[in-house]
Amino acid sequence: MQYTSQYRSPIGEILLACDETGLTGLWFEGERFYAQGLDSEHEPRETPVFEETKRWLSIYFSGKEPGFLPPLHKHGSPFQLCVWELLQQIPYGETTTYGELAKQVAAKRKVERMSAQAVGGAVGHNEISIIVPCHRVVGANGSLTGYAGGVDKKAALLRLEGVHLEAAGLFLPTRGTAL
């Protein structure tokens, strides 16, 4: 059984989902894959998992690194789980590129090459955004492309972590690129 709760962040409403094991979803209202993976039968209920998650989010949105993780219960293919595990290794306040992440996935899976686009697809389908920090992955040219919650939220999250976008060579993509 899955349960849901709401969290009001400074950059938008967030829907949380969990089961008995851990957090299964964290989505910004209106994002591209909103509530993907949420069971059709779920009920609103406060749980210890939500209590820990909301504590984590409150610390995070105060501009600090939380220093702990709430219990997580990620659901995905072995490839997606591999990518999401690597996302969790990107340090707070730092970024990496889809290409760099693809190299790490290739090394971990012991294959010669891995497509940055395939990795981007797994990054984009991460159901536990922010805590599994897909917002820390940027295009090779510095574009803040590819965030399901919207590039404005991606920029806000990076700024919150102390990333000076312009100084780091990062920029919001223009129309016609993947948003």
N, C-alpha and C. Protein backbone atom coordinates (compact mmCIF):
# COMPACT_ATOMS: atom_id res chain seq x y z
N MET A 1 0.84 -1.18 0.00
CA MET A 1 0.00 0.00 0.00
C MET A 1 0.89 1.25 0.00
N GLN A 2 0.51 2.21 -0.81
CA GLN A 2 1.23 3.49 -0.83
C GLN A 2 0.40 4.56 -0.13
N TYR A 3 1.13 5.51 0.44
CA TYR A 3 0.53 6.64 1.14
C TYR A 3 1.07 7.91 0.51
N THR A 4 0.31 8.99 0.64
CA THR A 4 0.74 10.27 0.08
C THR A 4 0.64 11.37 1.13
N SER A 5 1.43 12.39 0.89
CA SER A 5 1.41 13.59 1.72
C SER A 5 1.87 14.75 0.86
N GLN A 6 1.61 15.95 1.30
CA GLN A 6 2.02 17.16 0.58
C GLN A 6 3.10 17.88 1.39
N TYR A 7 3.97 18.57 0.67
CA TYR A 7 4.97 19.43 1.30
C TYR A 7 5.01 20.73 0.52
N ARG A 8 4.92 21.83 1.20
CA ARG A 8 4.96 23.14 0.55
C ARG A 8 6.40 23.66 0.63
N SER A 9 7.06 23.66 -0.51
CA SER A 9 8.45 24.15 -0.57
C SER A 9 8.43 25.61 -1.04
N PRO A 10 9.55 26.30 -0.87
CA PRO A 10 9.62 27.68 -1.34
C PRO A 10 9.53 27.81 -2.87
N ILE A 11 9.69 26.70 -3.59
CA ILE A 11 9.63 26.79 -5.05
C ILE A 11 8.47 25.99 -5.64
N GLY A 12 7.54 25.54 -4.81
CA GLY A 12 6.37 24.86 -5.32
C GLY A 12 5.90 23.72 -4.44
N GLU A 13 4.65 23.35 -4.67
CA GLU A 13 4.05 22.22 -3.95
C GLU A 13 4.71 20.91 -4.38
N ILE A 14 4.89 20.02 -3.42
CA ILE A 14 5.52 18.73 -3.67
C ILE A 14 4.59 17.63 -3.17
N LEU A 15 4.41 16.61 -4.01
CA LEU A 15 3.67 15.42 -3.62
C LEU A 15 4.69 14.36 -3.21
N LEU A 16 4.48 13.77 -2.03
CA LEU A 16 5.33 12.70 -1.53
C LEU A 16 4.54 11.40 -1.55
N ALA A 17 5.21 10.30 -1.83
CA ALA A 17 4.60 8.98 -1.77
C ALA A 17 5.55 8.03 -1.05
N CYS A 18 4.99 7.11 -0.29
CA CYS A 18 5.82 6.11 0.37
C CYS A 18 5.04 4.82 0.52
N ASP A 19 5.78 3.76 0.85
CA ASP A 19 5.17 2.51 1.26
C ASP A 19 5.75 2.18 2.63
N GLU A 20 5.58 0.96 3.07
CA GLU A 20 6.08 0.59 4.40
C GLU A 20 7.61 0.61 4.49
N THR A 21 8.29 0.52 3.35
CA THR A 21 9.75 0.45 3.31
C THR A 21 10.41 1.82 3.29
N GLY A 22 9.86 2.74 2.48
CA GLY A 22 10.49 4.05 2.36
C GLY A 22 9.80 4.94 1.35
N LEU A 23 10.42 6.07 1.09
CA LEU A 23 9.90 7.04 0.14
C LEU A 23 9.96 6.46 -1.27
N THR A 24 8.85 6.51 -1.99
CA THR A 24 8.80 5.97 -3.35
C THR A 24 8.65 7.06 -4.40
N GLY A 25 8.28 8.28 -3.99
CA GLY A 25 8.11 9.35 -4.96
C GLY A 25 8.17 10.72 -4.32
N LEU A 26 8.70 11.67 -5.08
CA LEU A 26 8.75 13.07 -4.68
C LEU A 26 8.68 13.87 -5.97
N TRP A 27 7.52 14.50 -6.20
CA TRP A 27 7.29 15.20 -7.46
C TRP A 27 6.81 16.62 -7.22
N PHE A 28 7.33 17.56 -8.01
CA PHE A 28 6.78 18.91 -8.02
C PHE A 28 5.44 18.89 -8.73
N GLU A 29 4.48 19.60 -8.19
CA GLU A 29 3.17 19.69 -8.83
C GLU A 29 3.35 20.19 -10.26
N GLY A 30 2.74 19.49 -11.21
CA GLY A 30 2.79 19.88 -12.61
C GLY A 30 4.01 19.42 -13.38
N GLU A 31 4.90 18.67 -12.74
CA GLU A 31 6.09 18.24 -13.48
C GLU A 31 5.73 17.19 -14.53
N ARG A 32 6.64 16.97 -15.45
CA ARG A 32 6.40 16.11 -16.61
C ARG A 32 5.92 14.70 -16.24
N PHE A 33 6.51 14.08 -15.25
CA PHE A 33 6.15 12.71 -14.89
C PHE A 33 5.46 12.67 -13.52
N TYR A 34 4.62 13.67 -13.26
CA TYR A 34 3.95 13.83 -11.97
C TYR A 34 3.22 12.54 -11.56
N ALA A 35 3.54 12.06 -10.38
CA ALA A 35 2.91 10.89 -9.76
C ALA A 35 3.09 9.60 -10.55
N GLN A 36 4.05 9.58 -11.47
CA GLN A 36 4.35 8.34 -12.20
C GLN A 36 4.85 7.32 -11.18
N GLY A 37 4.31 6.14 -11.21
CA GLY A 37 4.71 5.11 -10.26
C GLY A 37 3.84 5.06 -9.02
N LEU A 38 2.94 6.02 -8.87
CA LEU A 38 2.04 6.03 -7.72
C LEU A 38 0.91 5.04 -7.97
N ASP A 39 0.70 4.13 -7.03
CA ASP A 39 -0.39 3.16 -7.16
C ASP A 39 -1.72 3.88 -7.27
N SER A 40 -2.61 3.32 -8.08
CA SER A 40 -3.94 3.93 -8.20
C SER A 40 -4.67 3.88 -6.86
N GLU A 41 -4.39 2.86 -6.08
CA GLU A 41 -4.97 2.77 -4.74
C GLU A 41 -3.92 3.22 -3.74
N HIS A 42 -4.08 4.44 -3.26
CA HIS A 42 -3.21 5.00 -2.23
C HIS A 42 -4.06 5.88 -1.34
N GLU A 43 -3.53 6.18 -0.18
CA GLU A 43 -4.32 7.03 0.71
C GLU A 43 -3.45 8.08 1.37
N PRO A 44 -4.01 9.27 1.56
CA PRO A 44 -3.27 10.31 2.28
C PRO A 44 -3.13 9.88 3.75
N ARG A 45 -1.91 9.91 4.24
CA ARG A 45 -1.66 9.54 5.63
C ARG A 45 -0.26 10.01 6.00
N GLU A 46 -0.12 10.54 7.18
CA GLU A 46 1.21 10.90 7.67
C GLU A 46 1.87 9.65 8.23
N THR A 47 3.13 9.44 7.89
CA THR A 47 3.87 8.26 8.32
C THR A 47 5.24 8.70 8.84
N PRO A 48 5.96 7.82 9.54
CA PRO A 48 7.32 8.15 9.95
C PRO A 48 8.24 8.46 8.77
N VAL A 49 8.02 7.79 7.63
CA VAL A 49 8.82 8.08 6.43
C VAL A 49 8.61 9.52 6.00
N PHE A 50 7.37 9.99 5.99
CA PHE A 50 7.09 11.38 5.63
C PHE A 50 7.67 12.35 6.65
N GLU A 51 7.61 11.98 7.91
CA GLU A 51 8.18 12.84 8.95
C GLU A 51 9.67 13.07 8.70
N GLU A 52 10.40 11.99 8.42
CA GLU A 52 11.84 12.09 8.13
C GLU A 52 12.09 12.86 6.83
N THR A 53 11.26 12.59 5.81
CA THR A 53 11.42 13.26 4.52
C THR A 53 11.18 14.76 4.67
N LYS A 54 10.15 15.14 5.38
CA LYS A 54 9.84 16.56 5.57
C LYS A 54 10.92 17.25 6.40
N ARG A 55 11.48 16.54 7.35
CA ARG A 55 12.61 17.10 8.13
C ARG A 55 13.79 17.33 7.19
N TRP A 56 14.09 16.35 6.32
CA TRP A 56 15.17 16.48 5.35
C TRP A 56 14.91 17.69 4.45
N LEU A 57 13.70 17.79 3.90
CA LEU A 57 13.36 18.88 2.99
C LEU A 57 13.45 20.25 3.69
N SER A 58 13.02 20.33 4.93
CA SER A 58 13.09 21.61 5.67
C SER A 58 14.53 22.06 5.85
N ILE A 59 15.41 21.13 6.16
CA ILE A 59 16.84 21.46 6.29
C ILE A 59 17.38 21.88 4.93
N TYR A 60 17.07 21.09 3.90
CA TYR A 60 17.55 21.37 2.55
C TYR A 60 17.10 22.76 2.08
N PHE A 61 15.83 23.06 2.23
CA PHE A 61 15.31 24.35 1.75
C PHE A 61 15.73 25.52 2.64
N SER A 62 16.36 25.24 3.77
CA SER A 62 16.94 26.32 4.57
C SER A 62 18.34 26.67 4.06
N GLY A 63 18.79 25.94 3.02
CA GLY A 63 20.09 26.21 2.42
C GLY A 63 21.24 25.41 3.00
N LYS A 64 20.92 24.33 3.69
CA LYS A 64 21.95 23.48 4.30
C LYS A 64 21.88 22.07 3.76
N GLU A 65 23.00 21.39 3.80
CA GLU A 65 23.02 19.97 3.42
C GLU A 65 22.48 19.18 4.60
N PRO A 66 21.44 18.35 4.40
CA PRO A 66 20.82 17.66 5.53
C PRO A 66 21.73 16.70 6.29
N GLY A 67 22.65 16.02 5.62
CA GLY A 67 23.56 15.12 6.34
C GLY A 67 22.98 13.75 6.68
N PHE A 68 21.79 13.45 6.22
CA PHE A 68 21.19 12.14 6.40
C PHE A 68 20.21 11.93 5.25
N LEU A 69 19.77 10.71 5.09
CA LEU A 69 18.75 10.40 4.07
C LEU A 69 17.53 9.79 4.75
N PRO A 70 16.35 10.19 4.33
CA PRO A 70 15.17 9.45 4.80
C PRO A 70 15.20 8.07 4.14
N PRO A 71 14.43 7.12 4.66
CA PRO A 71 14.40 5.80 4.01
C PRO A 71 13.83 5.93 2.59
N LEU A 72 14.53 5.34 1.63
CA LEU A 72 14.13 5.38 0.23
C LEU A 72 13.77 3.98 -0.24
N HIS A 73 12.81 3.89 -1.15
CA HIS A 73 12.44 2.62 -1.77
C HIS A 73 12.25 2.88 -3.26
N LYS A 74 13.39 2.82 -3.98
CA LYS A 74 13.39 3.13 -5.41
C LYS A 74 12.92 1.92 -6.21
N HIS A 75 12.09 2.21 -7.21
CA HIS A 75 11.59 1.17 -8.12
C HIS A 75 12.02 1.54 -9.53
N GLY A 76 12.72 0.63 -10.19
CA GLY A 76 13.15 0.88 -11.56
C GLY A 76 13.88 -0.33 -12.10
N SER A 77 14.29 -0.21 -13.35
CA SER A 77 15.07 -1.28 -13.98
C SER A 77 16.47 -1.29 -13.37
N PRO A 78 17.22 -2.37 -13.55
CA PRO A 78 18.59 -2.39 -13.05
C PRO A 78 19.42 -1.21 -13.59
N PHE A 79 19.19 -0.85 -14.85
CA PHE A 79 19.90 0.29 -15.44
C PHE A 79 19.53 1.58 -14.72
N GLN A 80 18.23 1.82 -14.52
CA GLN A 80 17.79 3.03 -13.82
C GLN A 80 18.34 3.08 -12.40
N LEU A 81 18.28 1.96 -11.70
CA LEU A 81 18.79 1.93 -10.33
C LEU A 81 20.28 2.24 -10.28
N CYS A 82 21.03 1.78 -11.27
CA CYS A 82 22.46 2.08 -11.37
C CYS A 82 22.67 3.58 -11.53
N VAL A 83 21.93 4.19 -12.45
CA VAL A 83 22.05 5.63 -12.69
C VAL A 83 21.67 6.40 -11.43
N TRP A 84 20.57 6.03 -10.79
CA TRP A 84 20.10 6.76 -9.61
C TRP A 84 21.08 6.63 -8.44
N GLU A 85 21.74 5.47 -8.34
CA GLU A 85 22.76 5.30 -7.31
C GLU A 85 23.91 6.29 -7.54
N LEU A 86 24.30 6.44 -8.80
CA LEU A 86 25.37 7.39 -9.12
C LEU A 86 24.93 8.84 -8.90
N LEU A 87 23.65 9.14 -9.13
CA LEU A 87 23.16 10.49 -8.84
C LEU A 87 23.38 10.84 -7.37
N GLN A 88 23.16 9.87 -6.50
CA GLN A 88 23.29 10.11 -5.07
C GLN A 88 24.74 10.36 -4.65
N GLN A 89 25.68 10.08 -5.54
CA GLN A 89 27.09 10.31 -5.23
C GLN A 89 27.58 11.69 -5.67
N ILE A 90 26.73 12.45 -6.38
CA ILE A 90 27.12 13.81 -6.79
C ILE A 90 27.04 14.69 -5.56
N PRO A 91 28.15 15.29 -5.16
CA PRO A 91 28.14 16.08 -3.92
C PRO A 91 27.21 17.29 -3.98
N TYR A 92 26.67 17.63 -2.84
CA TYR A 92 25.84 18.82 -2.64
C TYR A 92 26.61 20.03 -3.18
N GLY A 93 25.93 20.85 -3.98
CA GLY A 93 26.55 22.07 -4.49
C GLY A 93 27.47 21.86 -5.68
N GLU A 94 27.49 20.65 -6.24
CA GLU A 94 28.31 20.37 -7.42
C GLU A 94 27.43 19.82 -8.53
N THR A 95 27.97 19.86 -9.75
CA THR A 95 27.25 19.32 -10.90
C THR A 95 28.15 18.37 -11.67
N THR A 96 27.51 17.58 -12.52
CA THR A 96 28.22 16.74 -13.47
C THR A 96 27.42 16.79 -14.77
N THR A 97 27.99 16.25 -15.82
CA THR A 97 27.29 16.24 -17.11
C THR A 97 26.70 14.86 -17.38
N TYR A 98 25.76 14.84 -18.31
CA TYR A 98 25.18 13.56 -18.73
C TYR A 98 26.27 12.66 -19.31
N GLY A 99 27.21 13.24 -20.05
CA GLY A 99 28.30 12.46 -20.63
C GLY A 99 29.22 11.86 -19.57
N GLU A 100 29.54 12.65 -18.54
CA GLU A 100 30.38 12.16 -17.46
C GLU A 100 29.66 11.03 -16.72
N LEU A 101 28.38 11.23 -16.48
CA LEU A 101 27.58 10.21 -15.80
C LEU A 101 27.53 8.93 -16.66
N ALA A 102 27.43 9.09 -17.97
CA ALA A 102 27.42 7.93 -18.88
C ALA A 102 28.73 7.15 -18.77
N LYS A 103 29.86 7.85 -18.65
CA LYS A 103 31.15 7.17 -18.48
C LYS A 103 31.17 6.37 -17.17
N GLN A 104 30.61 6.95 -16.12
CA GLN A 104 30.57 6.25 -14.82
C GLN A 104 29.67 5.02 -14.89
N VAL A 105 28.54 5.14 -15.58
CA VAL A 105 27.63 4.00 -15.74
C VAL A 105 28.33 2.90 -16.54
N ALA A 106 29.02 3.27 -17.62
CA ALA A 106 29.73 2.28 -18.44
C ALA A 106 30.77 1.54 -17.60
N ALA A 107 31.52 2.28 -16.80
CA ALA A 107 32.54 1.65 -15.96
C ALA A 107 31.90 0.71 -14.94
N LYS A 108 30.84 1.16 -14.33
CA LYS A 108 30.16 0.36 -13.31
C LYS A 108 29.56 -0.91 -13.90
N ARG A 109 29.04 -0.80 -15.13
CA ARG A 109 28.40 -1.96 -15.79
C ARG A 109 29.39 -2.76 -16.63
N LYS A 110 30.66 -2.31 -16.62
CA LYS A 110 31.74 -3.00 -17.34
C LYS A 110 31.46 -3.13 -18.83
N VAL A 111 31.04 -2.02 -19.42
CA VAL A 111 30.85 -1.94 -20.87
C VAL A 111 31.74 -0.82 -21.39
N GLU A 112 32.06 -0.91 -22.68
CA GLU A 112 32.99 0.07 -23.27
C GLU A 112 32.40 1.49 -23.30
N ARG A 113 31.13 1.60 -23.71
CA ARG A 113 30.51 2.92 -23.84
C ARG A 113 29.07 2.86 -23.36
N MET A 114 28.58 4.02 -23.01
CA MET A 114 27.18 4.15 -22.63
C MET A 114 26.67 5.46 -23.22
N SER A 115 25.48 5.42 -23.76
CA SER A 115 24.88 6.59 -24.38
C SER A 115 24.47 7.62 -23.33
N ALA A 116 24.88 8.86 -23.52
CA ALA A 116 24.46 9.94 -22.62
C ALA A 116 22.95 10.13 -22.70
N GLN A 117 22.36 9.87 -23.87
CA GLN A 117 20.92 10.00 -24.01
C GLN A 117 20.19 8.94 -23.19
N ALA A 118 20.71 7.71 -23.18
CA ALA A 118 20.10 6.65 -22.37
C ALA A 118 20.18 7.01 -20.89
N VAL A 119 21.33 7.52 -20.49
CA VAL A 119 21.50 7.95 -19.10
C VAL A 119 20.53 9.10 -18.81
N GLY A 120 20.39 10.03 -19.74
CA GLY A 120 19.47 11.15 -19.57
C GLY A 120 18.04 10.67 -19.39
N GLY A 121 17.67 9.62 -20.11
CA GLY A 121 16.33 9.06 -19.94
C GLY A 121 16.11 8.52 -18.54
N ALA A 122 17.11 7.83 -18.01
CA ALA A 122 17.01 7.30 -16.64
C ALA A 122 16.99 8.43 -15.62
N VAL A 123 17.82 9.44 -15.84
CA VAL A 123 17.85 10.60 -14.94
C VAL A 123 16.48 11.26 -14.93
N GLY A 124 15.89 11.45 -16.11
CA GLY A 124 14.60 12.11 -16.23
C GLY A 124 13.44 11.36 -15.61
N HIS A 125 13.58 10.04 -15.46
CA HIS A 125 12.51 9.24 -14.87
C HIS A 125 12.75 8.93 -13.39
N ASN A 126 13.69 9.62 -12.79
CA ASN A 126 13.91 9.51 -11.35
C ASN A 126 12.65 9.95 -10.62
N GLU A 127 12.07 9.08 -9.82
CA GLU A 127 10.82 9.39 -9.14
C GLU A 127 11.01 10.05 -7.78
N ILE A 128 12.26 10.17 -7.33
CA ILE A 128 12.51 10.78 -6.02
C ILE A 128 13.43 11.98 -6.21
N SER A 129 12.90 12.99 -6.90
CA SER A 129 13.73 14.16 -7.20
C SER A 129 14.18 14.86 -5.92
N ILE A 130 15.15 15.71 -6.06
CA ILE A 130 15.82 16.48 -5.01
C ILE A 130 16.67 15.56 -4.13
N ILE A 131 16.05 14.58 -3.47
CA ILE A 131 16.80 13.68 -2.58
C ILE A 131 17.73 12.78 -3.40
N VAL A 132 17.26 12.28 -4.52
CA VAL A 132 18.11 11.63 -5.52
C VAL A 132 18.34 12.75 -6.54
N PRO A 133 19.48 13.45 -6.42
CA PRO A 133 19.66 14.78 -7.02
C PRO A 133 19.89 14.84 -8.53
N CYS A 134 18.84 14.56 -9.28
CA CYS A 134 18.94 14.64 -10.74
C CYS A 134 19.13 16.08 -11.22
N HIS A 135 18.82 17.06 -10.38
CA HIS A 135 19.01 18.47 -10.76
C HIS A 135 20.48 18.84 -10.87
N ARG A 136 21.38 18.00 -10.39
CA ARG A 136 22.82 18.28 -10.44
C ARG A 136 23.47 17.83 -11.74
N VAL A 137 22.67 17.30 -12.69
CA VAL A 137 23.20 16.85 -13.97
C VAL A 137 22.85 17.89 -15.03
N VAL A 138 23.88 18.34 -15.76
CA VAL A 138 23.72 19.40 -16.75
C VAL A 138 24.26 18.95 -18.10
N GLY A 139 23.91 19.70 -19.14
CA GLY A 139 24.43 19.41 -20.47
C GLY A 139 25.92 19.69 -20.56
N ALA A 140 26.59 19.07 -21.53
CA ALA A 140 28.03 19.24 -21.71
C ALA A 140 28.42 20.70 -21.94
N ASN A 141 27.50 21.48 -22.52
CA ASN A 141 27.81 22.89 -22.81
C ASN A 141 27.40 23.81 -21.66
N GLY A 142 26.93 23.24 -20.54
CA GLY A 142 26.52 24.03 -19.39
C GLY A 142 25.03 24.33 -19.34
N SER A 143 24.28 23.83 -20.29
CA SER A 143 22.84 24.07 -20.32
C SER A 143 22.14 23.31 -19.19
N LEU A 144 21.21 23.99 -18.54
CA LEU A 144 20.43 23.34 -17.48
C LEU A 144 19.23 22.61 -18.09
N THR A 145 19.50 21.79 -19.04
CA THR A 145 18.46 21.09 -19.78
C THR A 145 17.99 19.84 -19.05
N GLY A 146 16.80 19.41 -19.38
CA GLY A 146 16.35 18.08 -19.01
C GLY A 146 15.84 17.84 -17.61
N TYR A 147 15.22 18.79 -16.95
CA TYR A 147 14.68 18.55 -15.61
C TYR A 147 13.17 18.45 -15.69
N ALA A 148 12.61 17.31 -15.27
CA ALA A 148 11.17 17.08 -15.37
C ALA A 148 10.36 18.12 -14.60
N GLY A 149 10.93 18.66 -13.53
CA GLY A 149 10.24 19.68 -12.75
C GLY A 149 10.29 21.06 -13.38
N GLY A 150 11.09 21.21 -14.44
CA GLY A 150 11.25 22.49 -15.11
C GLY A 150 12.62 23.08 -14.83
N VAL A 151 13.20 23.71 -15.84
CA VAL A 151 14.56 24.25 -15.68
C VAL A 151 14.61 25.39 -14.67
N ASP A 152 13.51 26.10 -14.47
CA ASP A 152 13.49 27.15 -13.46
C ASP A 152 13.69 26.56 -12.07
N LYS A 153 13.08 25.41 -11.81
CA LYS A 153 13.25 24.75 -10.51
C LYS A 153 14.66 24.17 -10.39
N LYS A 154 15.19 23.64 -11.50
CA LYS A 154 16.55 23.12 -11.49
C LYS A 154 17.53 24.23 -11.12
N ALA A 155 17.37 25.40 -11.73
CA ALA A 155 18.23 26.54 -11.42
C ALA A 155 18.07 26.96 -9.97
N ALA A 156 16.84 26.99 -9.47
CA ALA A 156 16.59 27.39 -8.08
C ALA A 156 17.24 26.42 -7.10
N LEU A 157 17.16 25.12 -7.38
CA LEU A 157 17.77 24.12 -6.50
C LEU A 157 19.29 24.26 -6.49
N LEU A 158 19.89 24.47 -7.66
CA LEU A 158 21.35 24.64 -7.71
C LEU A 158 21.77 25.91 -6.98
N ARG A 159 21.04 27.00 -7.17
CA ARG A 159 21.36 28.25 -6.45
C ARG A 159 21.24 28.05 -4.94
N LEU A 160 20.21 27.32 -4.52
CA LEU A 160 20.01 27.04 -3.11
C LEU A 160 21.22 26.31 -2.52
N GLU A 161 21.85 25.46 -3.34
CA GLU A 161 23.03 24.71 -2.91
C GLU A 161 24.31 25.54 -3.01
N GLY A 162 24.18 26.79 -3.43
CA GLY A 162 25.35 27.66 -3.49
C GLY A 162 26.06 27.67 -4.82
N VAL A 163 25.47 27.08 -5.86
CA VAL A 163 26.09 27.08 -7.18
C VAL A 163 25.82 28.45 -7.82
N HIS A 164 26.87 29.14 -8.20
CA HIS A 164 26.75 30.41 -8.92
C HIS A 164 26.72 30.07 -10.40
N LEU A 165 25.52 30.02 -10.96
CA LEU A 165 25.30 29.49 -12.30
C LEU A 165 26.21 30.13 -13.34
N GLU A 166 26.21 31.44 -13.42
CA GLU A 166 26.99 32.14 -14.44
C GLU A 166 28.49 31.88 -14.25
N ALA A 167 28.95 31.96 -13.02
CA ALA A 167 30.37 31.74 -12.73
C ALA A 167 30.78 30.30 -13.08
N ALA A 168 29.84 29.36 -12.94
CA ALA A 168 30.12 27.96 -13.26
C ALA A 168 29.91 27.65 -14.74
N GLY A 169 29.54 28.67 -15.53
CA GLY A 169 29.31 28.46 -16.96
C GLY A 169 28.00 27.77 -17.26
N LEU A 170 27.05 27.85 -16.33
CA LEU A 170 25.76 27.22 -16.51
C LEU A 170 24.73 28.25 -16.96
N PHE A 171 23.77 27.81 -17.78
CA PHE A 171 22.77 28.74 -18.28
C PHE A 171 21.46 28.02 -18.55
N LEU A 172 20.37 28.81 -18.55
CA LEU A 172 19.06 28.27 -18.90
C LEU A 172 18.99 28.10 -20.41
N PRO A 173 18.49 26.96 -20.89
CA PRO A 173 18.41 26.75 -22.35
C PRO A 173 17.39 27.67 -22.97
N THR A 174 17.59 27.94 -24.24
CA THR A 174 16.62 28.76 -24.98
C THR A 174 15.59 27.84 -25.60
N ARG A 175 14.52 28.40 -26.08
CA ARG A 175 13.47 27.60 -26.73
C ARG A 175 14.09 26.77 -27.85
N GLY A 176 13.51 25.60 -28.04
CA GLY A 176 13.99 24.72 -29.11
C GLY A 176 14.94 23.64 -28.58
N THR A 177 15.36 23.78 -27.31
CA THR A 177 16.17 22.73 -26.70
C THR A 177 15.30 21.98 -25.72
N ALA A 178 15.77 20.84 -25.27
CA ALA A 178 14.97 20.03 -24.32
C ALA A 178 14.79 20.77 -23.03
N LEU A 179 13.56 21.02 -22.67
CA LEU A 179 13.26 21.68 -21.40
C LEU A 179 12.69 20.65 -20.48
